[in-house]
Amino acid sequence: MTSTNTARLTYAWDAWVSMPGQGRAFAHGTVTVPASYCWTHVQREVGAWLGAQGATGRLADIHLQLTPQA
């Protein structure tokens, strides 16, 4: 029998980003990822999502905070 780890963690994030034609903007949200993801991997996931929305910025500017599970 194979066991799979389905543990997940939720992080709150915020970042200052640049939006084309609009200048700097404060972005924030939450992301839920597998518990096996390291901090840097979570930053890259958030960065990829921000990039898909048209935002540009630096991964180092994305601040993460582990949120408690209810």
PDB file of N, CA and C in Angstrom:
ATOM      1  N   MET A   1       0.845  -1.168   0.000  1.00  0.00           N
ATOM      2  CA  MET A   1       0.000   0.000   0.000  1.00  0.00           C
ATOM      3  C   MET A   1       0.895   1.236   0.000  1.00  0.00           C
ATOM      4  N   THR A   2       0.538   2.231  -0.780  1.00  0.00           N
ATOM      5  CA  THR A   2       1.308   3.464  -0.870  1.00  0.00           C
ATOM      6  C   THR A   2       0.638   4.543  -0.033  1.00  0.00           C
ATOM      7  N   SER A   3       1.449   5.258   0.718  1.00  0.00           N
ATOM      8  CA  SER A   3       0.954   6.358   1.534  1.00  0.00           C
ATOM      9  C   SER A   3       1.298   7.674   0.849  1.00  0.00           C
ATOM     10  N   THR A   4       0.379   8.606   0.850  1.00  0.00           N
ATOM     11  CA  THR A   4       0.657   9.927   0.295  1.00  0.00           C
ATOM     12  C   THR A   4       0.494  10.968   1.375  1.00  0.00           C
ATOM     13  N   ASN A   5       1.401  11.918   1.394  1.00  0.00           N
ATOM     14  CA  ASN A   5       1.336  13.001   2.366  1.00  0.00           C
ATOM     15  C   ASN A   5       0.495  14.126   1.782  1.00  0.00           C
ATOM     16  N   THR A   6      -0.636  14.401   2.392  1.00  0.00           N
ATOM     17  CA  THR A   6      -1.522  15.451   1.891  1.00  0.00           C
ATOM     18  C   THR A   6      -1.498  16.683   2.794  1.00  0.00           C
ATOM     19  N   ALA A   7      -0.529  16.738   3.710  1.00  0.00           N
ATOM     20  CA  ALA A   7      -0.434  17.894   4.605  1.00  0.00           C
ATOM     21  C   ALA A   7      -0.178  19.159   3.786  1.00  0.00           C
ATOM     22  N   ARG A   8      -0.881  20.229   4.146  1.00  0.00           N
ATOM     23  CA  ARG A   8      -0.751  21.492   3.438  1.00  0.00           C
ATOM     24  C   ARG A   8      -0.593  22.615   4.455  1.00  0.00           C
ATOM     25  N   LEU A   9       0.098  23.666   4.050  1.00  0.00           N
ATOM     26  CA  LEU A   9       0.289  24.845   4.882  1.00  0.00           C
ATOM     27  C   LEU A   9      -0.250  26.063   4.147  1.00  0.00           C
ATOM     28  N   THR A  10      -0.776  27.007   4.902  1.00  0.00           N
ATOM     29  CA  THR A  10      -1.274  28.246   4.319  1.00  0.00           C
ATOM     30  C   THR A  10      -0.404  29.399   4.795  1.00  0.00           C
ATOM     31  N   TYR A  11      -0.001  30.235   3.850  1.00  0.00           N
ATOM     32  CA  TYR A  11       0.808  31.413   4.139  1.00  0.00           C
ATOM     33  C   TYR A  11       0.040  32.654   3.724  1.00  0.00           C
ATOM     34  N   ALA A  12       0.124  33.699   4.545  1.00  0.00           N
ATOM     35  CA  ALA A  12      -0.312  35.025   4.123  1.00  0.00           C
ATOM     36  C   ALA A  12       0.909  35.670   3.476  1.00  0.00           C
ATOM     37  N   TRP A  13       0.714  36.448   2.441  1.00  0.00           N
ATOM     38  CA  TRP A  13       1.840  37.107   1.778  1.00  0.00           C
ATOM     39  C   TRP A  13       1.483  38.541   1.450  1.00  0.00           C
ATOM     40  N   ASP A  14       2.525  39.368   1.325  1.00  0.00           N
ATOM     41  CA  ASP A  14       2.345  40.732   0.849  1.00  0.00           C
ATOM     42  C   ASP A  14       3.619  41.152   0.119  1.00  0.00           C
ATOM     43  N   ALA A  15       3.470  42.103  -0.777  1.00  0.00           N
ATOM     44  CA  ALA A  15       4.611  42.569  -1.568  1.00  0.00           C
ATOM     45  C   ALA A  15       4.272  43.902  -2.226  1.00  0.00           C
ATOM     46  N   TRP A  16       5.291  44.728  -2.408  1.00  0.00           N
ATOM     47  CA  TRP A  16       5.170  45.901  -3.259  1.00  0.00           C
ATOM     48  C   TRP A  16       5.600  45.464  -4.652  1.00  0.00           C
ATOM     49  N   VAL A  17       4.764  45.717  -5.630  1.00  0.00           N
ATOM     50  CA  VAL A  17       5.045  45.309  -7.012  1.00  0.00           C
ATOM     51  C   VAL A  17       4.848  46.507  -7.935  1.00  0.00           C
ATOM     52  N   SER A  18       5.285  46.364  -9.163  1.00  0.00           N
ATOM     53  CA  SER A  18       5.048  47.384 -10.188  1.00  0.00           C
ATOM     54  C   SER A  18       4.037  46.839 -11.176  1.00  0.00           C
ATOM     55  N   MET A  19       3.071  47.675 -11.503  1.00  0.00           N
ATOM     56  CA  MET A  19       2.053  47.318 -12.488  1.00  0.00           C
ATOM     57  C   MET A  19       2.250  48.202 -13.714  1.00  0.00           C
ATOM     58  N   PRO A  20       2.354  47.596 -14.893  1.00  0.00           N
ATOM     59  CA  PRO A  20       2.577  48.383 -16.114  1.00  0.00           C
ATOM     60  C   PRO A  20       1.526  49.484 -16.280  1.00  0.00           C
ATOM     61  N   GLY A  21       1.994  50.693 -16.479  1.00  0.00           N
ATOM     62  CA  GLY A  21       1.094  51.823 -16.696  1.00  0.00           C
ATOM     63  C   GLY A  21       0.444  52.359 -15.441  1.00  0.00           C
ATOM     64  N   GLN A  22       0.684  51.730 -14.283  1.00  0.00           N
ATOM     65  CA  GLN A  22       0.036  52.181 -13.049  1.00  0.00           C
ATOM     66  C   GLN A  22       1.015  52.478 -11.918  1.00  0.00           C
ATOM     67  N   GLY A  23       2.270  52.096 -12.063  1.00  0.00           N
ATOM     68  CA  GLY A  23       3.257  52.354 -11.018  1.00  0.00           C
ATOM     69  C   GLY A  23       3.259  51.273  -9.947  1.00  0.00           C
ATOM     70  N   ARG A  24       3.692  51.672  -8.747  1.00  0.00           N
ATOM     71  CA  ARG A  24       3.812  50.724  -7.633  1.00  0.00           C
ATOM     72  C   ARG A  24       2.453  50.441  -7.007  1.00  0.00           C
ATOM     73  N   ALA A  25       2.302  49.202  -6.527  1.00  0.00           N
ATOM     74  CA  ALA A  25       1.054  48.796  -5.883  1.00  0.00           C
ATOM     75  C   ALA A  25       1.381  47.812  -4.760  1.00  0.00           C
ATOM     76  N   PHE A  26       0.562  47.820  -3.728  1.00  0.00           N
ATOM     77  CA  PHE A  26       0.702  46.870  -2.623  1.00  0.00           C
ATOM     78  C   PHE A  26      -0.219  45.697  -2.918  1.00  0.00           C
ATOM     79  N   ALA A  27       0.344  44.501  -2.949  1.00  0.00           N
ATOM     80  CA  ALA A  27      -0.439  43.297  -3.220  1.00  0.00           C
ATOM     81  C   ALA A  27      -0.383  42.398  -1.998  1.00  0.00           C
ATOM     82  N   HIS A  28      -1.470  41.672  -1.747  1.00  0.00           N
ATOM     83  CA  HIS A  28      -1.478  40.743  -0.620  1.00  0.00           C
ATOM     84  C   HIS A  28      -2.476  39.633  -0.883  1.00  0.00           C
ATOM     85  N   GLY A  29      -2.318  38.532  -0.176  1.00  0.00           N
ATOM     86  CA  GLY A  29      -3.231  37.414  -0.346  1.00  0.00           C
ATOM     87  C   GLY A  29      -2.798  36.235   0.499  1.00  0.00           C
ATOM     88  N   THR A  30      -3.328  35.079   0.183  1.00  0.00           N
ATOM     89  CA  THR A  30      -2.939  33.849   0.856  1.00  0.00           C
ATOM     90  C   THR A  30      -2.657  32.790  -0.199  1.00  0.00           C
ATOM     91  N   VAL A  31      -1.829  31.838   0.166  1.00  0.00           N
ATOM     92  CA  VAL A  31      -1.509  30.727  -0.726  1.00  0.00           C
ATOM     93  C   VAL A  31      -1.427  29.470   0.136  1.00  0.00           C
ATOM     94  N   THR A  32      -2.006  28.378  -0.344  1.00  0.00           N
ATOM     95  CA  THR A  32      -1.931  27.084   0.334  1.00  0.00           C
ATOM     96  C   THR A  32      -1.116  26.148  -0.541  1.00  0.00           C
ATOM     97  N   VAL A  33      -0.090  25.573   0.063  1.00  0.00           N
ATOM     98  CA  VAL A  33       0.853  24.731  -0.677  1.00  0.00           C
ATOM     99  C   VAL A  33       1.110  23.449   0.103  1.00  0.00           C
ATOM    100  N   PRO A  34       1.676  22.438  -0.565  1.00  0.00           N
ATOM    101  CA  PRO A  34       2.068  21.227   0.161  1.00  0.00           C
ATOM    102  C   PRO A  34       3.068  21.562   1.269  1.00  0.00           C
ATOM    103  N   ALA A  35       2.984  20.869   2.380  1.00  0.00           N
ATOM    104  CA  ALA A  35       3.862  21.123   3.524  1.00  0.00           C
ATOM    105  C   ALA A  35       5.326  20.901   3.182  1.00  0.00           C
ATOM    106  N   SER A  36       5.600  20.147   2.141  1.00  0.00           N
ATOM    107  CA  SER A  36       6.986  19.858   1.764  1.00  0.00           C
ATOM    108  C   SER A  36       7.666  21.040   1.061  1.00  0.00           C
ATOM    109  N   TYR A  37       6.920  22.061   0.652  1.00  0.00           N
ATOM    110  CA  TYR A  37       7.516  23.202  -0.039  1.00  0.00           C
ATOM    111  C   TYR A  37       8.365  24.015   0.928  1.00  0.00           C
ATOM    112  N   CYS A  38       9.577  24.355   0.499  1.00  0.00           N
ATOM    113  CA  CYS A  38      10.427  25.222   1.307  1.00  0.00           C
ATOM    114  C   CYS A  38       9.977  26.676   1.105  1.00  0.00           C
ATOM    115  N   TRP A  39      10.482  27.549   1.961  1.00  0.00           N
ATOM    116  CA  TRP A  39      10.121  28.974   1.940  1.00  0.00           C
ATOM    117  C   TRP A  39      10.339  29.572   0.555  1.00  0.00           C
ATOM    118  N   THR A  40      11.479  29.286  -0.067  1.00  0.00           N
ATOM    119  CA  THR A  40      11.818  29.832  -1.378  1.00  0.00           C
ATOM    120  C   THR A  40      10.845  29.340  -2.444  1.00  0.00           C
ATOM    121  N   HIS A  41      10.440  28.094  -2.358  1.00  0.00           N
ATOM    122  CA  HIS A  41       9.480  27.549  -3.324  1.00  0.00           C
ATOM    123  C   HIS A  41       8.145  28.285  -3.205  1.00  0.00           C
ATOM    124  N   VAL A  42       7.728  28.580  -1.987  1.00  0.00           N
ATOM    125  CA  VAL A  42       6.471  29.317  -1.787  1.00  0.00           C
ATOM    126  C   VAL A  42       6.603  30.713  -2.392  1.00  0.00           C
ATOM    127  N   GLN A  43       7.739  31.385  -2.171  1.00  0.00           N
ATOM    128  CA  GLN A  43       7.955  32.705  -2.768  1.00  0.00           C
ATOM    129  C   GLN A  43       7.868  32.632  -4.286  1.00  0.00           C
ATOM    130  N   ARG A  44       8.453  31.599  -4.883  1.00  0.00           N
ATOM    131  CA  ARG A  44       8.396  31.454  -6.339  1.00  0.00           C
ATOM    132  C   ARG A  44       6.975  31.222  -6.816  1.00  0.00           C
ATOM    133  N   GLU A  45       6.185  30.456  -6.061  1.00  0.00           N
ATOM    134  CA  GLU A  45       4.775  30.233  -6.435  1.00  0.00           C
ATOM    135  C   GLU A  45       4.015  31.560  -6.446  1.00  0.00           C
ATOM    136  N   VAL A  46       4.200  32.365  -5.402  1.00  0.00           N
ATOM    137  CA  VAL A  46       3.532  33.668  -5.324  1.00  0.00           C
ATOM    138  C   VAL A  46       4.048  34.567  -6.447  1.00  0.00           C
ATOM    139  N   GLY A  47       5.359  34.571  -6.678  1.00  0.00           N
ATOM    140  CA  GLY A  47       5.940  35.383  -7.742  1.00  0.00           C
ATOM    141  C   GLY A  47       5.399  35.009  -9.108  1.00  0.00           C
ATOM    142  N   ALA A  48       5.230  33.719  -9.357  1.00  0.00           N
ATOM    143  CA  ALA A  48       4.676  33.266 -10.637  1.00  0.00           C
ATOM    144  C   ALA A  48       3.242  33.749 -10.800  1.00  0.00           C
ATOM    145  N   TRP A  49       2.462  33.691  -9.733  1.00  0.00           N
ATOM    146  CA  TRP A  49       1.078  34.163  -9.802  1.00  0.00           C
ATOM    147  C   TRP A  49       1.043  35.669 -10.054  1.00  0.00           C
ATOM    148  N   LEU A  50       1.882  36.415  -9.336  1.00  0.00           N
ATOM    149  CA  LEU A  50       1.930  37.867  -9.550  1.00  0.00           C
ATOM    150  C   LEU A  50       2.328  38.187 -10.985  1.00  0.00           C
ATOM    151  N   GLY A  51       3.313  37.459 -11.510  1.00  0.00           N
ATOM    152  CA  GLY A  51       3.738  37.669 -12.889  1.00  0.00           C
ATOM    153  C   GLY A  51       2.627  37.394 -13.881  1.00  0.00           C
ATOM    154  N   ALA A  52       1.826  36.369 -13.608  1.00  0.00           N
ATOM    155  CA  ALA A  52       0.702  36.049 -14.491  1.00  0.00           C
ATOM    156  C   ALA A  52      -0.357  37.155 -14.472  1.00  0.00           C
ATOM    157  N   GLN A  53      -0.369  37.951 -13.390  1.00  0.00           N
ATOM    158  CA  GLN A  53      -1.311  39.067 -13.298  1.00  0.00           C
ATOM    159  C   GLN A  53      -0.741  40.335 -13.927  1.00  0.00           C
ATOM    160  N   GLY A  54       0.514  40.261 -14.413  1.00  0.00           N
ATOM    161  CA  GLY A  54       1.143  41.408 -15.053  1.00  0.00           C
ATOM    162  C   GLY A  54       2.046  42.210 -14.139  1.00  0.00           C
ATOM    163  N   ALA A  55       2.199  41.794 -12.901  1.00  0.00           N
ATOM    164  CA  ALA A  55       3.026  42.523 -11.944  1.00  0.00           C
ATOM    165  C   ALA A  55       4.491  42.137 -12.091  1.00  0.00           C
ATOM    166  N   THR A  56       5.371  43.071 -11.800  1.00  0.00           N
ATOM    167  CA  THR A  56       6.796  42.783 -11.762  1.00  0.00           C
ATOM    168  C   THR A  56       7.334  43.182 -10.389  1.00  0.00           C
ATOM    169  N   GLY A  57       8.348  42.493  -9.963  1.00  0.00           N
ATOM    170  CA  GLY A  57       8.959  42.778  -8.667  1.00  0.00           C
ATOM    171  C   GLY A  57      10.078  41.795  -8.414  1.00  0.00           C
ATOM    172  N   ARG A  58      10.593  41.801  -7.200  1.00  0.00           N
ATOM    173  CA  ARG A  58      11.670  40.890  -6.825  1.00  0.00           C
ATOM    174  C   ARG A  58      11.133  39.863  -5.839  1.00  0.00           C
ATOM    175  N   LEU A  59      11.599  38.629  -5.962  1.00  0.00           N
ATOM    176  CA  LEU A  59      11.171  37.589  -5.026  1.00  0.00           C
ATOM    177  C   LEU A  59      11.504  37.990  -3.588  1.00  0.00           C
ATOM    178  N   ALA A  60      12.618  38.683  -3.401  1.00  0.00           N
ATOM    179  CA  ALA A  60      13.020  39.094  -2.050  1.00  0.00           C
ATOM    180  C   ALA A  60      12.024  40.079  -1.433  1.00  0.00           C
ATOM    181  N   ASP A  61      11.191  40.712  -2.255  1.00  0.00           N
ATOM    182  CA  ASP A  61      10.194  41.666  -1.748  1.00  0.00           C
ATOM    183  C   ASP A  61       8.878  41.004  -1.341  1.00  0.00           C
ATOM    184  N   ILE A  62       8.768  39.696  -1.535  1.00  0.00           N
ATOM    185  CA  ILE A  62       7.560  38.975  -1.135  1.00  0.00           C
ATOM    186  C   ILE A  62       7.746  38.504   0.304  1.00  0.00           C
ATOM    187  N   HIS A  63       6.906  38.997   1.188  1.00  0.00           N
ATOM    188  CA  HIS A  63       6.983  38.633   2.600  1.00  0.00           C
ATOM    189  C   HIS A  63       5.937  37.570   2.909  1.00  0.00           C
ATOM    190  N   LEU A  64       6.372  36.501   3.552  1.00  0.00           N
ATOM    191  CA  LEU A  64       5.484  35.390   3.891  1.00  0.00           C
ATOM    192  C   LEU A  64       5.290  35.297   5.387  1.00  0.00           C
ATOM    193  N   GLN A  65       4.102  34.876   5.770  1.00  0.00           N
ATOM    194  CA  GLN A  65       3.811  34.620   7.179  1.00  0.00           C
ATOM    195  C   GLN A  65       2.957  33.351   7.247  1.00  0.00           C
ATOM    196  N   LEU A  66       3.451  32.369   7.970  1.00  0.00           N
ATOM    197  CA  LEU A  66       2.711  31.135   8.146  1.00  0.00           C
ATOM    198  C   LEU A  66       1.449  31.434   8.951  1.00  0.00           C
ATOM    199  N   THR A  67       0.292  31.026   8.455  1.00  0.00           N
ATOM    200  CA  THR A  67      -0.956  31.313   9.153  1.00  0.00           C
ATOM    201  C   THR A  67      -1.420  30.078   9.921  1.00  0.00           C
ATOM    202  N   PRO A  68      -2.034  30.290  11.080  1.00  0.00           N
ATOM    203  CA  PRO A  68      -2.500  29.152  11.858  1.00  0.00           C
ATOM    204  C   PRO A  68      -3.613  28.402  11.164  1.00  0.00           C
ATOM    205  N   GLN A  69      -3.637  27.107  11.360  1.00  0.00           N
ATOM    206  CA  GLN A  69      -4.688  26.276  10.798  1.00  0.00           C
ATOM    207  C   GLN A  69      -5.839  26.186  11.801  1.00  0.00           C
ATOM    208  N   ALA A  70      -7.047  26.330  11.304  1.00  0.00           N
ATOM    209  CA  ALA A  70      -8.227  26.270  12.182  1.00  0.00           C
ATOM    210  C   ALA A  70      -8.558  24.832  12.554  1.00  0.00           C
TER     211      ALA A  70
END
